[in-house]
Amino acid sequence: MESQLAASLIDAGITGVFLLYLMATTREQSRRLDAYVDRLLKTLETIEEEREKGFDKIRDRYDEVIAKYDGERDTLLRDISAKLDEGLKEMQNERLARIAKSRGK
């Protein structure tokens, strides 16, 4: 069909040849543009993957830091709780000693 169209346009004279030229260049430019768009899309996909990897690294580092501080906080809370329990026991023992001392008099 394309060859019949080309023959018809050539038979039409210089105008037909010009139209044939325009059609050929338009088709070639479309192919180039399609190839360019494909390369651009691949590049964008690569950039997106790299960006996601970067975000994953940041997230992983953030999780590590948070886990570290959570661990330190838990240790600190256990230490404080143990010291408070120890202090309360000492206070209770002193109170019991005072009560026993006052009853023993």
PDB file of N, CA and C in Angstrom:
ATOM      1  N   MET A   1       0.821  -1.185   0.000  1.00  0.00           N
ATOM      2  CA  MET A   1       0.000   0.000   0.000  1.00  0.00           C
ATOM      3  C   MET A   1       0.875   1.262   0.000  1.00  0.00           C
ATOM      4  N   GLU A   2       1.974   1.221   0.777  1.00  0.00           N
ATOM      5  CA  GLU A   2       2.858   2.383   0.826  1.00  0.00           C
ATOM      6  C   GLU A   2       3.510   2.624  -0.534  1.00  0.00           C
ATOM      7  N   SER A   3       3.846   1.525  -1.195  1.00  0.00           N
ATOM      8  CA  SER A   3       4.473   1.705  -2.512  1.00  0.00           C
ATOM      9  C   SER A   3       3.471   2.290  -3.512  1.00  0.00           C
ATOM     10  N   GLN A   4       2.193   1.921  -3.407  1.00  0.00           N
ATOM     11  CA  GLN A   4       1.171   2.494  -4.302  1.00  0.00           C
ATOM     12  C   GLN A   4       0.999   3.979  -4.012  1.00  0.00           C
ATOM     13  N   LEU A   5       1.011   4.329  -2.709  1.00  0.00           N
ATOM     14  CA  LEU A   5       0.889   5.729  -2.323  1.00  0.00           C
ATOM     15  C   LEU A   5       2.092   6.510  -2.839  1.00  0.00           C
ATOM     16  N   ALA A   6       3.287   5.964  -2.677  1.00  0.00           N
ATOM     17  CA  ALA A   6       4.501   6.633  -3.148  1.00  0.00           C
ATOM     18  C   ALA A   6       4.453   6.808  -4.662  1.00  0.00           C
ATOM     19  N   ALA A   7       4.015   5.783  -5.388  1.00  0.00           N
ATOM     20  CA  ALA A   7       3.924   5.881  -6.851  1.00  0.00           C
ATOM     21  C   ALA A   7       2.919   6.948  -7.254  1.00  0.00           C
ATOM     22  N   SER A   8       1.798   7.000  -6.541  1.00  0.00           N
ATOM     23  CA  SER A   8       0.781   8.014  -6.852  1.00  0.00           C
ATOM     24  C   SER A   8       1.321   9.420  -6.614  1.00  0.00           C
ATOM     25  N   LEU A   9       2.059   9.579  -5.510  1.00  0.00           N
ATOM     26  CA  LEU A   9       2.600  10.902  -5.207  1.00  0.00           C
ATOM     27  C   LEU A   9       3.679  11.309  -6.210  1.00  0.00           C
ATOM     28  N   ILE A  10       4.502  10.357  -6.625  1.00  0.00           N
ATOM     29  CA  ILE A  10       5.537  10.670  -7.619  1.00  0.00           C
ATOM     30  C   ILE A  10       4.888  11.050  -8.947  1.00  0.00           C
ATOM     31  N   ASP A  11       3.801  10.351  -9.293  1.00  0.00           N
ATOM     32  CA  ASP A  11       3.081  10.679 -10.527  1.00  0.00           C
ATOM     33  C   ASP A  11       2.460  12.071 -10.470  1.00  0.00           C
ATOM     34  N   ALA A  12       2.210  12.580  -9.241  1.00  0.00           N
ATOM     35  CA  ALA A  12       1.596  13.899  -9.100  1.00  0.00           C
ATOM     36  C   ALA A  12       2.584  15.016  -9.371  1.00  0.00           C
ATOM     37  N   GLY A  13       3.843  14.668  -9.518  1.00  0.00           N
ATOM     38  CA  GLY A  13       4.829  15.702  -9.854  1.00  0.00           C
ATOM     39  C   GLY A  13       5.607  16.145  -8.634  1.00  0.00           C
ATOM     40  N   ILE A  14       6.127  17.354  -8.750  1.00  0.00           N
ATOM     41  CA  ILE A  14       7.016  17.888  -7.710  1.00  0.00           C
ATOM     42  C   ILE A  14       6.305  18.019  -6.377  1.00  0.00           C
ATOM     43  N   THR A  15       5.024  18.367  -6.396  1.00  0.00           N
ATOM     44  CA  THR A  15       4.261  18.491  -5.153  1.00  0.00           C
ATOM     45  C   THR A  15       4.142  17.133  -4.478  1.00  0.00           C
ATOM     46  N   GLY A  16       3.884  16.100  -5.246  1.00  0.00           N
ATOM     47  CA  GLY A  16       3.778  14.748  -4.706  1.00  0.00           C
ATOM     48  C   GLY A  16       5.100  14.276  -4.123  1.00  0.00           C
ATOM     49  N   VAL A  17       6.200  14.593  -4.815  1.00  0.00           N
ATOM     50  CA  VAL A  17       7.525  14.212  -4.306  1.00  0.00           C
ATOM     51  C   VAL A  17       7.797  14.935  -2.991  1.00  0.00           C
ATOM     52  N   PHE A  18       7.418  16.200  -2.938  1.00  0.00           N
ATOM     53  CA  PHE A  18       7.605  16.968  -1.703  1.00  0.00           C
ATOM     54  C   PHE A  18       6.795  16.370  -0.558  1.00  0.00           C
ATOM     55  N   LEU A  19       5.547  15.995  -0.862  1.00  0.00           N
ATOM     56  CA  LEU A  19       4.707  15.360   0.161  1.00  0.00           C
ATOM     57  C   LEU A  19       5.318  14.029   0.619  1.00  0.00           C
ATOM     58  N   LEU A  20       5.857  13.274  -0.310  1.00  0.00           N
ATOM     59  CA  LEU A  20       6.515  12.015   0.023  1.00  0.00           C
ATOM     60  C   LEU A  20       7.721  12.265   0.935  1.00  0.00           C
ATOM     61  N   TYR A  21       8.479  13.310   0.610  1.00  0.00           N
ATOM     62  CA  TYR A  21       9.619  13.689   1.450  1.00  0.00           C
ATOM     63  C   TYR A  21       9.158  14.064   2.863  1.00  0.00           C
ATOM     64  N   LEU A  22       8.101  14.885   2.954  1.00  0.00           N
ATOM     65  CA  LEU A  22       7.584  15.299   4.263  1.00  0.00           C
ATOM     66  C   LEU A  22       7.102  14.098   5.073  1.00  0.00           C
ATOM     67  N   MET A  23       6.427  13.177   4.399  1.00  0.00           N
ATOM     68  CA  MET A  23       5.935  11.981   5.103  1.00  0.00           C
ATOM     69  C   MET A  23       7.106  11.139   5.619  1.00  0.00           C
ATOM     70  N   ALA A  24       8.136  10.969   4.800  1.00  0.00           N
ATOM     71  CA  ALA A  24       9.293  10.165   5.196  1.00  0.00           C
ATOM     72  C   ALA A  24      10.037  10.808   6.365  1.00  0.00           C
ATOM     73  N   THR A  25      10.249  12.125   6.301  1.00  0.00           N
ATOM     74  CA  THR A  25      10.969  12.796   7.384  1.00  0.00           C
ATOM     75  C   THR A  25      10.144  12.797   8.666  1.00  0.00           C
ATOM     76  N   THR A  26       8.830  12.941   8.530  1.00  0.00           N
ATOM     77  CA  THR A  26       7.962  12.906   9.707  1.00  0.00           C
ATOM     78  C   THR A  26       8.016  11.532  10.368  1.00  0.00           C
ATOM     79  N   ARG A  27       7.986  10.482   9.571  1.00  0.00           N
ATOM     80  CA  ARG A  27       8.061   9.127  10.105  1.00  0.00           C
ATOM     81  C   ARG A  27       9.402   8.901  10.804  1.00  0.00           C
ATOM     82  N   GLU A  28      10.488   9.368  10.187  1.00  0.00           N
ATOM     83  CA  GLU A  28      11.820   9.205  10.778  1.00  0.00           C
ATOM     84  C   GLU A  28      11.935   9.993  12.083  1.00  0.00           C
ATOM     85  N   GLN A  29      11.413  11.200  12.091  1.00  0.00           N
ATOM     86  CA  GLN A  29      11.444  12.006  13.309  1.00  0.00           C
ATOM     87  C   GLN A  29      10.608  11.367  14.411  1.00  0.00           C
ATOM     88  N   SER A  30       9.484  10.752  14.036  1.00  0.00           N
ATOM     89  CA  SER A  30       8.660  10.047  15.022  1.00  0.00           C
ATOM     90  C   SER A  30       9.426   8.880  15.627  1.00  0.00           C
ATOM     91  N   ARG A  31      10.149   8.130  14.797  1.00  0.00           N
ATOM     92  CA  ARG A  31      10.957   7.010  15.301  1.00  0.00           C
ATOM     93  C   ARG A  31      12.041   7.514  16.257  1.00  0.00           C
ATOM     94  N   ARG A  32      12.698   8.590  15.859  1.00  0.00           N
ATOM     95  CA  ARG A  32      13.745   9.157  16.723  1.00  0.00           C
ATOM     96  C   ARG A  32      13.154   9.640  18.049  1.00  0.00           C
ATOM     97  N   LEU A  33      12.024  10.308  17.950  1.00  0.00           N
ATOM     98  CA  LEU A  33      11.380  10.814  19.157  1.00  0.00           C
ATOM     99  C   LEU A  33      10.953   9.663  20.063  1.00  0.00           C
ATOM    100  N   ASP A  34      10.410   8.602  19.477  1.00  0.00           N
ATOM    101  CA  ASP A  34      10.020   7.431  20.267  1.00  0.00           C
ATOM    102  C   ASP A  34      11.233   6.820  20.962  1.00  0.00           C
ATOM    103  N   ALA A  35      12.355   6.713  20.242  1.00  0.00           N
ATOM    104  CA  ALA A  35      13.581   6.166  20.830  1.00  0.00           C
ATOM    105  C   ALA A  35      14.075   7.073  21.954  1.00  0.00           C
ATOM    106  N   TYR A  36      14.004   8.378  21.738  1.00  0.00           N
ATOM    107  CA  TYR A  36      14.426   9.343  22.757  1.00  0.00           C
ATOM    108  C   TYR A  36      13.555   9.228  23.997  1.00  0.00           C
ATOM    109  N   VAL A  37      12.249   9.132  23.808  1.00  0.00           N
ATOM    110  CA  VAL A  37      11.318   9.005  24.934  1.00  0.00           C
ATOM    111  C   VAL A  37      11.592   7.709  25.701  1.00  0.00           C
ATOM    112  N   ASP A  38      11.865   6.617  24.974  1.00  0.00           N
ATOM    113  CA  ASP A  38      12.188   5.355  25.639  1.00  0.00           C
ATOM    114  C   ASP A  38      13.450   5.487  26.493  1.00  0.00           C
ATOM    115  N   ARG A  39      14.490   6.117  25.943  1.00  0.00           N
ATOM    116  CA  ARG A  39      15.722   6.314  26.714  1.00  0.00           C
ATOM    117  C   ARG A  39      15.466   7.204  27.921  1.00  0.00           C
ATOM    118  N   LEU A  40      14.663   8.240  27.720  1.00  0.00           N
ATOM    119  CA  LEU A  40      14.344   9.146  28.812  1.00  0.00           C
ATOM    120  C   LEU A  40      13.586   8.415  29.921  1.00  0.00           C
ATOM    121  N   LEU A  41      12.632   7.588  29.545  1.00  0.00           N
ATOM    122  CA  LEU A  41      11.879   6.830  30.548  1.00  0.00           C
ATOM    123  C   LEU A  41      12.775   5.866  31.313  1.00  0.00           C
ATOM    124  N   LYS A  42      13.696   5.217  30.613  1.00  0.00           N
ATOM    125  CA  LYS A  42      14.641   4.319  31.289  1.00  0.00           C
ATOM    126  C   LYS A  42      15.518   5.100  32.259  1.00  0.00           C
ATOM    127  N   THR A  43      15.962   6.272  31.837  1.00  0.00           N
ATOM    128  CA  THR A  43      16.777   7.110  32.710  1.00  0.00           C
ATOM    129  C   THR A  43      15.983   7.536  33.937  1.00  0.00           C
ATOM    130  N   LEU A  44      14.747   7.908  33.737  1.00  0.00           N
ATOM    131  CA  LEU A  44      13.904   8.303  34.868  1.00  0.00           C
ATOM    132  C   LEU A  44      13.673   7.135  35.823  1.00  0.00           C
ATOM    133  N   GLU A  45      13.487   5.940  35.280  1.00  0.00           N
ATOM    134  CA  GLU A  45      13.326   4.758  36.129  1.00  0.00           C
ATOM    135  C   GLU A  45      14.581   4.515  36.956  1.00  0.00           C
ATOM    136  N   THR A  46      15.738   4.673  36.320  1.00  0.00           N
ATOM    137  CA  THR A  46      17.007   4.485  37.025  1.00  0.00           C
ATOM    138  C   THR A  46      17.153   5.516  38.141  1.00  0.00           C
ATOM    139  N   ILE A  47      16.831   6.748  37.832  1.00  0.00           N
ATOM    140  CA  ILE A  47      16.909   7.813  38.840  1.00  0.00           C
ATOM    141  C   ILE A  47      15.957   7.514  39.989  1.00  0.00           C
ATOM    142  N   GLU A  48      14.762   7.065  39.678  1.00  0.00           N
ATOM    143  CA  GLU A  48      13.772   6.739  40.716  1.00  0.00           C
ATOM    144  C   GLU A  48      14.270   5.594  41.594  1.00  0.00           C
ATOM    145  N   GLU A  49      14.867   4.569  40.978  1.00  0.00           N
ATOM    146  CA  GLU A  49      15.403   3.443  41.754  1.00  0.00           C
ATOM    147  C   GLU A  49      16.518   3.909  42.682  1.00  0.00           C
ATOM    148  N   GLU A  50      17.407   4.757  42.171  1.00  0.00           N
ATOM    149  CA  GLU A  50      18.498   5.282  42.989  1.00  0.00           C
ATOM    150  C   GLU A  50      17.966   6.137  44.133  1.00  0.00           C
ATOM    151  N   ARG A  51      16.936   6.912  43.849  1.00  0.00           N
ATOM    152  CA  ARG A  51      16.323   7.748  44.883  1.00  0.00           C
ATOM    153  C   ARG A  51      15.714   6.876  45.972  1.00  0.00           C
ATOM    154  N   GLU A  52      15.030   5.812  45.559  1.00  0.00           N
ATOM    155  CA  GLU A  52      14.427   4.888  46.524  1.00  0.00           C
ATOM    156  C   GLU A  52      15.503   4.209  47.365  1.00  0.00           C
ATOM    157  N   LYS A  53      16.623   3.820  46.722  1.00  0.00           N
ATOM    158  CA  LYS A  53      17.726   3.214  47.470  1.00  0.00           C
ATOM    159  C   LYS A  53      18.267   4.205  48.500  1.00  0.00           C
ATOM    160  N   GLY A  54      18.377   5.461  48.090  1.00  0.00           N
ATOM    161  CA  GLY A  54      18.842   6.499  49.015  1.00  0.00           C
ATOM    162  C   GLY A  54      17.897   6.654  50.190  1.00  0.00           C
ATOM    163  N   PHE A  55      16.592   6.672  49.910  1.00  0.00           N
ATOM    164  CA  PHE A  55      15.603   6.765  50.983  1.00  0.00           C
ATOM    165  C   PHE A  55      15.679   5.547  51.897  1.00  0.00           C
ATOM    166  N   ASP A  56      15.892   4.370  51.310  1.00  0.00           N
ATOM    167  CA  ASP A  56      16.003   3.156  52.118  1.00  0.00           C
ATOM    168  C   ASP A  56      17.209   3.238  53.048  1.00  0.00           C
ATOM    169  N   LYS A  57      18.326   3.756  52.533  1.00  0.00           N
ATOM    170  CA  LYS A  57      19.514   3.906  53.373  1.00  0.00           C
ATOM    171  C   LYS A  57      19.239   4.882  54.513  1.00  0.00           C
ATOM    172  N   ILE A  58      18.575   5.976  54.192  1.00  0.00           N
ATOM    173  CA  ILE A  58      18.253   6.966  55.223  1.00  0.00           C
ATOM    174  C   ILE A  58      17.321   6.347  56.255  1.00  0.00           C
ATOM    175  N   ARG A  59      16.296   5.610  55.786  1.00  0.00           N
ATOM    176  CA  ARG A  59      15.361   4.956  56.701  1.00  0.00           C
ATOM    177  C   ARG A  59      16.071   3.956  57.604  1.00  0.00           C
ATOM    178  N   ASP A  60      16.973   3.160  57.001  1.00  0.00           N
ATOM    179  CA  ASP A  60      17.710   2.171  57.789  1.00  0.00           C
ATOM    180  C   ASP A  60      18.569   2.849  58.851  1.00  0.00           C
ATOM    181  N   ARG A  61      19.242   3.920  58.460  1.00  0.00           N
ATOM    182  CA  ARG A  61      20.076   4.652  59.421  1.00  0.00           C
ATOM    183  C   ARG A  61      19.208   5.257  60.520  1.00  0.00           C
ATOM    184  N   TYR A  62      18.083   5.814  60.146  1.00  0.00           N
ATOM    185  CA  TYR A  62      17.157   6.391  61.122  1.00  0.00           C
ATOM    186  C   TYR A  62      16.693   5.315  62.103  1.00  0.00           C
ATOM    187  N   ASP A  63      16.334   4.141  61.574  1.00  0.00           N
ATOM    188  CA  ASP A  63      15.885   3.048  62.429  1.00  0.00           C
ATOM    189  C   ASP A  63      16.989   2.616  63.391  1.00  0.00           C
ATOM    190  N   GLU A  64      18.245   2.568  62.910  1.00  0.00           N
ATOM    191  CA  GLU A  64      19.374   2.209  63.773  1.00  0.00           C
ATOM    192  C   GLU A  64      19.538   3.219  64.900  1.00  0.00           C
ATOM    193  N   VAL A  65      19.475   4.497  64.556  1.00  0.00           N
ATOM    194  CA  VAL A  65      19.655   5.536  65.562  1.00  0.00           C
ATOM    195  C   VAL A  65      18.520   5.485  66.582  1.00  0.00           C
ATOM    196  N   ILE A  66      17.303   5.335  66.106  1.00  0.00           N
ATOM    197  CA  ILE A  66      16.158   5.265  67.015  1.00  0.00           C
ATOM    198  C   ILE A  66      16.272   4.040  67.918  1.00  0.00           C
ATOM    199  N   ALA A  67      16.671   2.901  67.356  1.00  0.00           N
ATOM    200  CA  ALA A  67      16.827   1.679  68.155  1.00  0.00           C
ATOM    201  C   ALA A  67      17.906   1.881  69.221  1.00  0.00           C
ATOM    202  N   LYS A  68      18.990   2.549  68.847  1.00  0.00           N
ATOM    203  CA  LYS A  68      20.064   2.820  69.808  1.00  0.00           C
ATOM    204  C   LYS A  68      19.550   3.668  70.957  1.00  0.00           C
ATOM    205  N   TYR A  69      18.858   4.756  70.642  1.00  0.00           N
ATOM    206  CA  TYR A  69      18.365   5.635  71.694  1.00  0.00           C
ATOM    207  C   TYR A  69      17.241   4.984  72.501  1.00  0.00           C
ATOM    208  N   ASP A  70      16.443   4.153  71.863  1.00  0.00           N
ATOM    209  CA  ASP A  70      15.429   3.405  72.612  1.00  0.00           C
ATOM    210  C   ASP A  70      16.096   2.474  73.614  1.00  0.00           C
ATOM    211  N   GLY A  71      17.158   1.799  73.176  1.00  0.00           N
ATOM    212  CA  GLY A  71      17.897   0.915  74.082  1.00  0.00           C
ATOM    213  C   GLY A  71      18.516   1.673  75.236  1.00  0.00           C
ATOM    214  N   GLU A  72      19.122   2.814  74.939  1.00  0.00           N
ATOM    215  CA  GLU A  72      19.713   3.633  75.997  1.00  0.00           C
ATOM    216  C   GLU A  72      18.648   4.135  76.962  1.00  0.00           C
ATOM    217  N   ARG A  73      17.506   4.537  76.431  1.00  0.00           N
ATOM    218  CA  ARG A  73      16.410   5.015  77.275  1.00  0.00           C
ATOM    219  C   ARG A  73      15.903   3.894  78.174  1.00  0.00           C
ATOM    220  N   ASP A  74      15.746   2.698  77.604  1.00  0.00           N
ATOM    221  CA  ASP A  74      15.266   1.568  78.399  1.00  0.00           C
ATOM    222  C   ASP A  74      16.254   1.230  79.513  1.00  0.00           C
ATOM    223  N   THR A  75      17.547   1.249  79.196  1.00  0.00           N
ATOM    224  CA  THR A  75      18.573   0.982  80.210  1.00  0.00           C
ATOM    225  C   THR A  75      18.518   2.040  81.302  1.00  0.00           C
ATOM    226  N   LEU A  76      18.414   3.285  80.911  1.00  0.00           N
ATOM    227  CA  LEU A  76      18.344   4.380  81.874  1.00  0.00           C
ATOM    228  C   LEU A  76      17.112   4.247  82.761  1.00  0.00           C
ATOM    229  N   LEU A  77      15.969   3.923  82.165  1.00  0.00           N
ATOM    230  CA  LEU A  77      14.745   3.754  82.955  1.00  0.00           C
ATOM    231  C   LEU A  77      14.868   2.590  83.932  1.00  0.00           C
ATOM    232  N   ARG A  78      15.491   1.496  83.502  1.00  0.00           N
ATOM    233  CA  ARG A  78      15.694   0.358  84.413  1.00  0.00           C
ATOM    234  C   ARG A  78      16.611   0.753  85.570  1.00  0.00           C
ATOM    235  N   ASP A  79      17.677   1.499  85.240  1.00  0.00           N
ATOM    236  CA  ASP A  79      18.603   1.942  86.289  1.00  0.00           C
ATOM    237  C   ASP A  79      17.904   2.863  87.286  1.00  0.00           C
ATOM    238  N   ILE A  80      17.137   3.802  86.773  1.00  0.00           N
ATOM    239  CA  ILE A  80      16.404   4.733  87.645  1.00  0.00           C
ATOM    240  C   ILE A  80      15.399   3.967  88.496  1.00  0.00           C
ATOM    241  N   SER A  81      14.693   3.050  87.878  1.00  0.00           N
ATOM    242  CA  SER A  81      13.709   2.258  88.610  1.00  0.00           C
ATOM    243  C   SER A  81      14.382   1.437  89.708  1.00  0.00           C
ATOM    244  N   ALA A  82      15.526   0.831  89.404  1.00  0.00           N
ATOM    245  CA  ALA A  82      16.250   0.039  90.401  1.00  0.00           C
ATOM    246  C   ALA A  82      16.717   0.927  91.553  1.00  0.00           C
ATOM    247  N   LYS A  83      17.233   2.118  91.227  1.00  0.00           N
ATOM    248  CA  LYS A  83      17.693   3.026  92.282  1.00  0.00           C
ATOM    249  C   LYS A  83      16.526   3.522  93.136  1.00  0.00           C
ATOM    250  N   LEU A  84      15.393   3.794  92.493  1.00  0.00           N
ATOM    251  CA  LEU A  84      14.214   4.204  93.263  1.00  0.00           C
ATOM    252  C   LEU A  84      13.751   3.080  94.178  1.00  0.00           C
ATOM    253  N   ASP A  85      13.731   1.858  93.661  1.00  0.00           N
ATOM    254  CA  ASP A  85      13.336   0.715  94.495  1.00  0.00           C
ATOM    255  C   ASP A  85      14.293   0.564  95.675  1.00  0.00           C
ATOM    256  N   GLU A  86      15.579   0.721  95.392  1.00  0.00           N
ATOM    257  CA  GLU A  86      16.592   0.615  96.450  1.00  0.00           C
ATOM    258  C   GLU A  86      16.392   1.706  97.492  1.00  0.00           C
ATOM    259  N   GLY A  87      16.149   2.928  97.028  1.00  0.00           N
ATOM    260  CA  GLY A  87      15.915   4.047  97.945  1.00  0.00           C
ATOM    261  C   GLY A  87      14.665   3.849  98.777  1.00  0.00           C
ATOM    262  N   LEU A  88      13.607   3.353  98.134  1.00  0.00           N
ATOM    263  CA  LEU A  88      12.372   3.105  98.873  1.00  0.00           C
ATOM    264  C   LEU A  88      12.554   2.014  99.931  1.00  0.00           C
ATOM    265  N   LYS A  89      13.344   0.987  99.604  1.00  0.00           N
ATOM    266  CA  LYS A  89      13.612  -0.072 100.576  1.00  0.00           C
ATOM    267  C   LYS A  89      14.406   0.470 101.762  1.00  0.00           C
ATOM    268  N   GLU A  90      15.397   1.327 101.461  1.00  0.00           N
ATOM    269  CA  GLU A  90      16.173   1.929 102.536  1.00  0.00           C
ATOM    270  C   GLU A  90      15.286   2.786 103.427  1.00  0.00           C
ATOM    271  N   MET A  91      14.416   3.587 102.807  1.00  0.00           N
ATOM    272  CA  MET A  91      13.502   4.425 103.581  1.00  0.00           C
ATOM    273  C   MET A  91      12.580   3.564 104.438  1.00  0.00           C
ATOM    274  N   GLN A  92      12.107   2.469 103.866  1.00  0.00           N
ATOM    275  CA  GLN A  92      11.214   1.575 104.593  1.00  0.00           C
ATOM    276  C   GLN A  92      11.955   0.916 105.764  1.00  0.00           C
ATOM    277  N   ASN A  93      13.198   0.503 105.494  1.00  0.00           N
ATOM    278  CA  ASN A  93      13.982  -0.112 106.566  1.00  0.00           C
ATOM    279  C   ASN A  93      14.258   0.888 107.680  1.00  0.00           C
ATOM    280  N   GLU A  94      14.586   2.149 107.325  1.00  0.00           N
ATOM    281  CA  GLU A  94      14.820   3.181 108.331  1.00  0.00           C
ATOM    282  C   GLU A  94      13.551   3.440 109.136  1.00  0.00           C
ATOM    283  N   ARG A  95      12.443   3.466 108.457  1.00  0.00           N
ATOM    284  CA  ARG A  95      11.161   3.716 109.141  1.00  0.00           C
ATOM    285  C   ARG A  95      10.845   2.574 110.096  1.00  0.00           C
ATOM    286  N   LEU A  96      11.050   1.351 109.607  1.00  0.00           N
ATOM    287  CA  LEU A  96      10.807   0.194 110.472  1.00  0.00           C
ATOM    288  C   LEU A  96      11.773   0.204 111.653  1.00  0.00           C
ATOM    289  N   ALA A  97      13.010   0.630 111.414  1.00  0.00           N
ATOM    290  CA  ALA A  97      13.984   0.704 112.510  1.00  0.00           C
ATOM    291  C   ALA A  97      13.567   1.747 113.527  1.00  0.00           C
ATOM    292  N   ARG A  98      13.066   2.896 113.064  1.00  0.00           N
ATOM    293  CA  ARG A  98      12.590   3.939 113.995  1.00  0.00           C
ATOM    294  C   ARG A  98      11.384   3.464 114.784  1.00  0.00           C
ATOM    295  N   ILE A  99      10.486   2.759 114.087  1.00  0.00           N
ATOM    296  CA  ILE A  99       9.293   2.237 114.788  1.00  0.00           C
ATOM    297  C   ILE A  99       9.722   1.221 115.844  1.00  0.00           C
ATOM    298  N   ALA A 100      10.634   0.335 115.455  1.00  0.00           N
ATOM    299  CA  ALA A 100      11.099  -0.680 116.408  1.00  0.00           C
ATOM    300  C   ALA A 100      11.832  -0.018 117.572  1.00  0.00           C
ATOM    301  N   LYS A 101      12.604   1.020 117.283  1.00  0.00           N
ATOM    302  CA  LYS A 101      13.351   1.725 118.313  1.00  0.00           C
ATOM    303  C   LYS A 101      12.406   2.419 119.263  1.00  0.00           C
ATOM    304  N   SER A 102      11.361   3.046 118.697  1.00  0.00           N
ATOM    305  CA  SER A 102      10.402   3.766 119.567  1.00  0.00           C
ATOM    306  C   SER A 102       9.587   2.795 120.397  1.00  0.00           C
ATOM    307  N   ARG A 103       9.329   1.612 119.967  1.00  0.00           N
ATOM    308  CA  ARG A 103       8.564   0.608 120.730  1.00  0.00           C
ATOM    309  C   ARG A 103       9.469  -0.053 121.764  1.00  0.00           C
ATOM    310  N   GLY A 104      10.730  -0.089 121.447  1.00  0.00           N
ATOM    311  CA  GLY A 104      11.671  -0.751 122.356  1.00  0.00           C
ATOM    312  C   GLY A 104      12.046   0.100 123.522  1.00  0.00           C
ATOM    313  N   LYS A 105      11.780   1.336 123.515  1.00  0.00           N
ATOM    314  CA  LYS A 105      12.138   2.227 124.625  1.00  0.00           C
ATOM    315  C   LYS A 105      11.307   2.007 125.779  1.00  0.00           C
TER     316      LYS A 105
END
